[in-house]
Amino acid sequence: MSYQPPSRPVSGTSSLAVVSLVFGVLTWFVLPFVGALVAVICGHMARGEIRRAPPDARIEGDGMAIAGLVLGYVHLGICVLAMFFIIAMLVFGAVVSGWHW
């Protein structure tokens, strides 16, 4: 008589985690600001989906979601710093040139 282990549901990978990672990488090369927003939104949605999954049907991909979140947030932070720098240079240039509001 052969022994067969009890069947366990096949654990899958969260598609939102994959999307978050892909857009997190693309944001650095192809889609500057929009890709970062998609990576952050999908990363948070994927982590919520993974946490809410029942223990008997685990969903994998938490690491990919975190990587997408990190890539997206770092890029958004750099975008915000760049905007502040550009605004500061415009104001500084206007003050130095003697232009009055």
N, C-alpha and C. Protein backbone atom coordinates (compact mmCIF):
# COMPACT_ATOMS: atom_id res chain seq x y z
N MET A 1 0.85 -1.16 0.00
CA MET A 1 0.00 0.00 0.00
C MET A 1 0.90 1.23 0.00
N SER A 2 0.65 2.16 -0.91
CA SER A 2 1.49 3.35 -1.01
C SER A 2 0.92 4.46 -0.14
N TYR A 3 1.81 5.21 0.39
CA TYR A 3 1.41 6.33 1.25
C TYR A 3 1.44 7.61 0.44
N GLN A 4 0.36 8.36 0.49
CA GLN A 4 0.31 9.67 -0.16
C GLN A 4 0.07 10.72 0.91
N PRO A 5 0.95 11.72 0.94
CA PRO A 5 0.75 12.77 1.95
C PRO A 5 -0.54 13.54 1.66
N PRO A 6 -1.13 14.11 2.71
CA PRO A 6 -2.36 14.87 2.49
C PRO A 6 -2.10 16.03 1.52
N SER A 7 -3.05 16.22 0.63
CA SER A 7 -2.86 17.28 -0.36
C SER A 7 -2.99 18.64 0.31
N ARG A 8 -2.09 19.50 -0.06
CA ARG A 8 -2.04 20.84 0.49
C ARG A 8 -2.30 21.81 -0.64
N PRO A 9 -3.07 22.85 -0.41
CA PRO A 9 -3.31 23.80 -1.49
C PRO A 9 -2.00 24.40 -1.99
N VAL A 10 -1.90 24.53 -3.27
CA VAL A 10 -0.70 25.08 -3.86
C VAL A 10 -0.64 26.57 -3.53
N SER A 11 0.49 26.96 -2.96
CA SER A 11 0.63 28.37 -2.62
C SER A 11 1.08 29.12 -3.87
N GLY A 12 0.45 30.25 -4.10
CA GLY A 12 0.79 31.05 -5.26
C GLY A 12 1.47 32.33 -4.85
N THR A 13 1.94 33.02 -5.85
CA THR A 13 2.59 34.31 -5.63
C THR A 13 1.59 35.41 -5.94
N SER A 14 1.57 36.42 -5.12
CA SER A 14 0.66 37.53 -5.31
C SER A 14 1.03 38.28 -6.59
N SER A 15 0.05 38.43 -7.48
CA SER A 15 0.32 39.15 -8.73
C SER A 15 0.55 40.64 -8.46
N LEU A 16 -0.06 41.17 -7.41
CA LEU A 16 0.18 42.56 -7.06
C LEU A 16 1.62 42.78 -6.60
N ALA A 17 2.20 41.79 -5.94
CA ALA A 17 3.60 41.90 -5.52
C ALA A 17 4.52 41.92 -6.74
N VAL A 18 4.20 41.10 -7.73
CA VAL A 18 5.01 41.08 -8.95
C VAL A 18 4.89 42.42 -9.67
N VAL A 19 3.67 42.96 -9.76
CA VAL A 19 3.46 44.26 -10.41
C VAL A 19 4.22 45.35 -9.67
N SER A 20 4.20 45.30 -8.35
CA SER A 20 4.91 46.30 -7.55
C SER A 20 6.40 46.25 -7.82
N LEU A 21 6.97 45.07 -7.86
CA LEU A 21 8.41 44.95 -8.11
C LEU A 21 8.76 45.39 -9.53
N VAL A 22 7.96 45.00 -10.51
CA VAL A 22 8.24 45.37 -11.90
C VAL A 22 8.19 46.89 -12.07
N PHE A 23 7.15 47.52 -11.53
CA PHE A 23 7.05 48.97 -11.66
C PHE A 23 8.09 49.68 -10.81
N GLY A 24 8.51 49.07 -9.69
CA GLY A 24 9.58 49.66 -8.89
C GLY A 24 10.89 49.71 -9.66
N VAL A 25 11.15 48.69 -10.45
CA VAL A 25 12.36 48.68 -11.27
C VAL A 25 12.19 49.62 -12.46
N LEU A 26 11.02 49.57 -13.11
CA LEU A 26 10.77 50.42 -14.28
C LEU A 26 10.79 51.91 -13.94
N THR A 27 10.46 52.25 -12.71
CA THR A 27 10.43 53.66 -12.34
C THR A 27 11.81 54.30 -12.45
N TRP A 28 12.87 53.52 -12.34
CA TRP A 28 14.23 54.06 -12.41
C TRP A 28 14.73 54.19 -13.84
N PHE A 29 14.04 53.54 -14.79
CA PHE A 29 14.54 53.55 -16.16
C PHE A 29 13.55 54.10 -17.18
N VAL A 30 12.26 53.82 -17.02
CA VAL A 30 11.29 54.15 -18.06
C VAL A 30 10.19 55.09 -17.59
N LEU A 31 9.60 54.82 -16.45
CA LEU A 31 8.42 55.54 -15.97
C LEU A 31 8.73 56.30 -14.68
N PRO A 32 9.33 57.48 -14.75
CA PRO A 32 9.83 58.12 -13.54
C PRO A 32 8.83 58.28 -12.41
N PHE A 33 7.84 59.09 -12.50
CA PHE A 33 7.00 59.39 -11.34
C PHE A 33 5.81 58.43 -11.24
N VAL A 34 5.21 58.15 -12.38
CA VAL A 34 4.01 57.30 -12.40
C VAL A 34 4.35 55.88 -11.95
N GLY A 35 5.50 55.37 -12.38
CA GLY A 35 5.90 54.03 -11.97
C GLY A 35 6.08 53.91 -10.47
N ALA A 36 6.59 54.95 -9.86
CA ALA A 36 6.78 54.93 -8.40
C ALA A 36 5.44 54.88 -7.68
N LEU A 37 4.48 55.65 -8.18
CA LEU A 37 3.15 55.63 -7.56
C LEU A 37 2.51 54.25 -7.69
N VAL A 38 2.60 53.64 -8.87
CA VAL A 38 2.03 52.30 -9.07
C VAL A 38 2.73 51.28 -8.18
N ALA A 39 4.06 51.38 -8.06
CA ALA A 39 4.82 50.44 -7.23
C ALA A 39 4.40 50.55 -5.76
N VAL A 40 4.22 51.76 -5.28
CA VAL A 40 3.85 51.95 -3.87
C VAL A 40 2.42 51.46 -3.61
N ILE A 41 1.51 51.82 -4.48
CA ILE A 41 0.11 51.42 -4.28
C ILE A 41 -0.04 49.90 -4.36
N CYS A 42 0.54 49.29 -5.39
CA CYS A 42 0.44 47.84 -5.54
C CYS A 42 1.19 47.11 -4.43
N GLY A 43 2.29 47.68 -3.96
CA GLY A 43 3.03 47.05 -2.87
C GLY A 43 2.23 47.00 -1.58
N HIS A 44 1.54 48.09 -1.27
CA HIS A 44 0.70 48.08 -0.06
C HIS A 44 -0.49 47.14 -0.22
N MET A 45 -1.08 47.13 -1.40
CA MET A 45 -2.21 46.22 -1.63
C MET A 45 -1.77 44.76 -1.56
N ALA A 46 -0.58 44.45 -2.08
CA ALA A 46 -0.07 43.08 -2.04
C ALA A 46 0.21 42.64 -0.62
N ARG A 47 0.81 43.52 0.17
CA ARG A 47 1.10 43.13 1.56
C ARG A 47 -0.19 42.89 2.34
N GLY A 48 -1.22 43.69 2.08
CA GLY A 48 -2.51 43.46 2.72
C GLY A 48 -3.12 42.14 2.29
N GLU A 49 -3.03 41.84 1.00
CA GLU A 49 -3.56 40.58 0.48
C GLU A 49 -2.83 39.39 1.10
N ILE A 50 -1.53 39.50 1.24
CA ILE A 50 -0.74 38.40 1.80
C ILE A 50 -1.05 38.21 3.28
N ARG A 51 -1.21 39.30 4.01
CA ARG A 51 -1.54 39.19 5.44
C ARG A 51 -2.93 38.61 5.66
N ARG A 52 -3.88 38.94 4.80
CA ARG A 52 -5.25 38.46 4.97
C ARG A 52 -5.48 37.04 4.48
N ALA A 53 -4.51 36.45 3.81
CA ALA A 53 -4.67 35.09 3.29
C ALA A 53 -4.75 34.10 4.44
N PRO A 54 -5.62 33.12 4.34
CA PRO A 54 -5.71 32.11 5.41
C PRO A 54 -4.43 31.28 5.48
N PRO A 55 -4.11 30.76 6.67
CA PRO A 55 -2.85 30.03 6.85
C PRO A 55 -2.75 28.77 5.99
N ASP A 56 -3.87 28.15 5.67
CA ASP A 56 -3.81 26.92 4.88
C ASP A 56 -3.62 27.19 3.39
N ALA A 57 -3.83 28.42 2.95
CA ALA A 57 -3.62 28.79 1.55
C ALA A 57 -2.73 30.04 1.49
N ARG A 58 -1.49 29.86 1.95
CA ARG A 58 -0.57 31.00 2.01
C ARG A 58 -0.29 31.57 0.63
N ILE A 59 -0.14 32.88 0.59
CA ILE A 59 0.25 33.57 -0.63
C ILE A 59 1.67 34.08 -0.41
N GLU A 60 2.51 33.85 -1.39
CA GLU A 60 3.90 34.29 -1.27
C GLU A 60 4.09 35.60 -2.02
N GLY A 61 5.24 36.22 -1.82
CA GLY A 61 5.55 37.44 -2.54
C GLY A 61 5.75 38.65 -1.65
N ASP A 62 5.84 38.45 -0.35
CA ASP A 62 6.01 39.59 0.55
C ASP A 62 7.33 40.31 0.30
N GLY A 63 8.37 39.56 -0.01
CA GLY A 63 9.67 40.18 -0.30
C GLY A 63 9.62 41.03 -1.56
N MET A 64 8.92 40.54 -2.58
CA MET A 64 8.79 41.33 -3.80
C MET A 64 8.00 42.61 -3.55
N ALA A 65 6.95 42.50 -2.73
CA ALA A 65 6.15 43.68 -2.41
C ALA A 65 6.99 44.71 -1.65
N ILE A 66 7.79 44.25 -0.72
CA ILE A 66 8.64 45.17 0.05
C ILE A 66 9.68 45.81 -0.86
N ALA A 67 10.26 45.03 -1.77
CA ALA A 67 11.25 45.59 -2.70
C ALA A 67 10.60 46.65 -3.59
N GLY A 68 9.39 46.40 -4.07
CA GLY A 68 8.68 47.40 -4.87
C GLY A 68 8.37 48.65 -4.08
N LEU A 69 7.99 48.46 -2.81
CA LEU A 69 7.73 49.61 -1.94
C LEU A 69 8.99 50.45 -1.73
N VAL A 70 10.09 49.79 -1.45
CA VAL A 70 11.34 50.52 -1.20
C VAL A 70 11.77 51.28 -2.45
N LEU A 71 11.74 50.63 -3.61
CA LEU A 71 12.13 51.29 -4.85
C LEU A 71 11.22 52.48 -5.15
N GLY A 72 9.91 52.29 -4.94
CA GLY A 72 8.96 53.37 -5.21
C GLY A 72 9.12 54.53 -4.25
N TYR A 73 9.24 54.24 -2.95
CA TYR A 73 9.36 55.32 -1.97
C TYR A 73 10.68 56.09 -2.12
N VAL A 74 11.76 55.39 -2.41
CA VAL A 74 13.04 56.07 -2.60
C VAL A 74 12.96 57.00 -3.81
N HIS A 75 12.35 56.53 -4.88
CA HIS A 75 12.23 57.37 -6.07
C HIS A 75 11.32 58.57 -5.79
N LEU A 76 10.23 58.37 -5.07
CA LEU A 76 9.35 59.50 -4.73
C LEU A 76 10.09 60.51 -3.85
N GLY A 77 10.89 60.02 -2.92
CA GLY A 77 11.68 60.92 -2.08
C GLY A 77 12.66 61.74 -2.88
N ILE A 78 13.31 61.10 -3.83
CA ILE A 78 14.25 61.83 -4.69
C ILE A 78 13.51 62.86 -5.54
N CYS A 79 12.31 62.52 -6.03
CA CYS A 79 11.51 63.48 -6.81
C CYS A 79 11.13 64.69 -5.97
N VAL A 80 10.75 64.47 -4.72
CA VAL A 80 10.37 65.58 -3.85
C VAL A 80 11.59 66.47 -3.57
N LEU A 81 12.73 65.85 -3.29
CA LEU A 81 13.95 66.64 -3.06
C LEU A 81 14.34 67.43 -4.31
N ALA A 82 14.18 66.84 -5.47
CA ALA A 82 14.52 67.54 -6.72
C ALA A 82 13.59 68.73 -6.93
N MET A 83 12.30 68.56 -6.61
CA MET A 83 11.36 69.68 -6.75
C MET A 83 11.71 70.82 -5.80
N PHE A 84 12.06 70.48 -4.55
CA PHE A 84 12.47 71.52 -3.60
C PHE A 84 13.72 72.24 -4.08
N PHE A 85 14.68 71.49 -4.63
CA PHE A 85 15.90 72.08 -5.14
C PHE A 85 15.62 73.02 -6.31
N ILE A 86 14.76 72.60 -7.22
CA ILE A 86 14.42 73.44 -8.38
C ILE A 86 13.71 74.72 -7.93
N ILE A 87 12.77 74.59 -7.00
CA ILE A 87 12.06 75.77 -6.50
C ILE A 87 13.03 76.70 -5.77
N ALA A 88 13.93 76.14 -4.98
CA ALA A 88 14.90 76.97 -4.26
C ALA A 88 15.82 77.70 -5.24
N MET A 89 16.23 77.04 -6.29
CA MET A 89 17.09 77.69 -7.29
C MET A 89 16.33 78.80 -8.03
N LEU A 90 15.06 78.59 -8.31
CA LEU A 90 14.28 79.64 -8.96
C LEU A 90 14.12 80.86 -8.06
N VAL A 91 13.82 80.62 -6.78
CA VAL A 91 13.67 81.72 -5.84
C VAL A 91 15.02 82.42 -5.64
N PHE A 92 16.07 81.66 -5.47
CA PHE A 92 17.41 82.24 -5.29
C PHE A 92 17.81 83.05 -6.52
N GLY A 93 17.54 82.53 -7.69
CA GLY A 93 17.86 83.25 -8.92
C GLY A 93 17.07 84.54 -9.05
N ALA A 94 15.81 84.52 -8.63
CA ALA A 94 14.99 85.73 -8.70
C ALA A 94 15.49 86.77 -7.71
N VAL A 95 15.92 86.35 -6.52
CA VAL A 95 16.41 87.29 -5.51
C VAL A 95 17.75 87.88 -5.94
N VAL A 96 18.64 87.06 -6.44
CA VAL A 96 19.96 87.53 -6.83
C VAL A 96 19.87 88.49 -8.03
N SER A 97 18.97 88.19 -8.95
CA SER A 97 18.87 89.05 -10.14
C SER A 97 18.15 90.36 -9.87
N GLY A 98 17.59 90.50 -8.70
CA GLY A 98 16.90 91.74 -8.33
C GLY A 98 15.48 91.82 -8.81
N TRP A 99 14.93 90.68 -9.23
CA TRP A 99 13.55 90.67 -9.70
C TRP A 99 12.61 90.73 -8.50
N HIS A 100 11.64 91.63 -8.53
CA HIS A 100 10.72 91.79 -7.40
C HIS A 100 9.37 91.20 -7.79
N TRP A 101 8.68 90.70 -6.80
CA TRP A 101 7.38 90.07 -7.02
C TRP A 101 6.37 91.10 -7.32
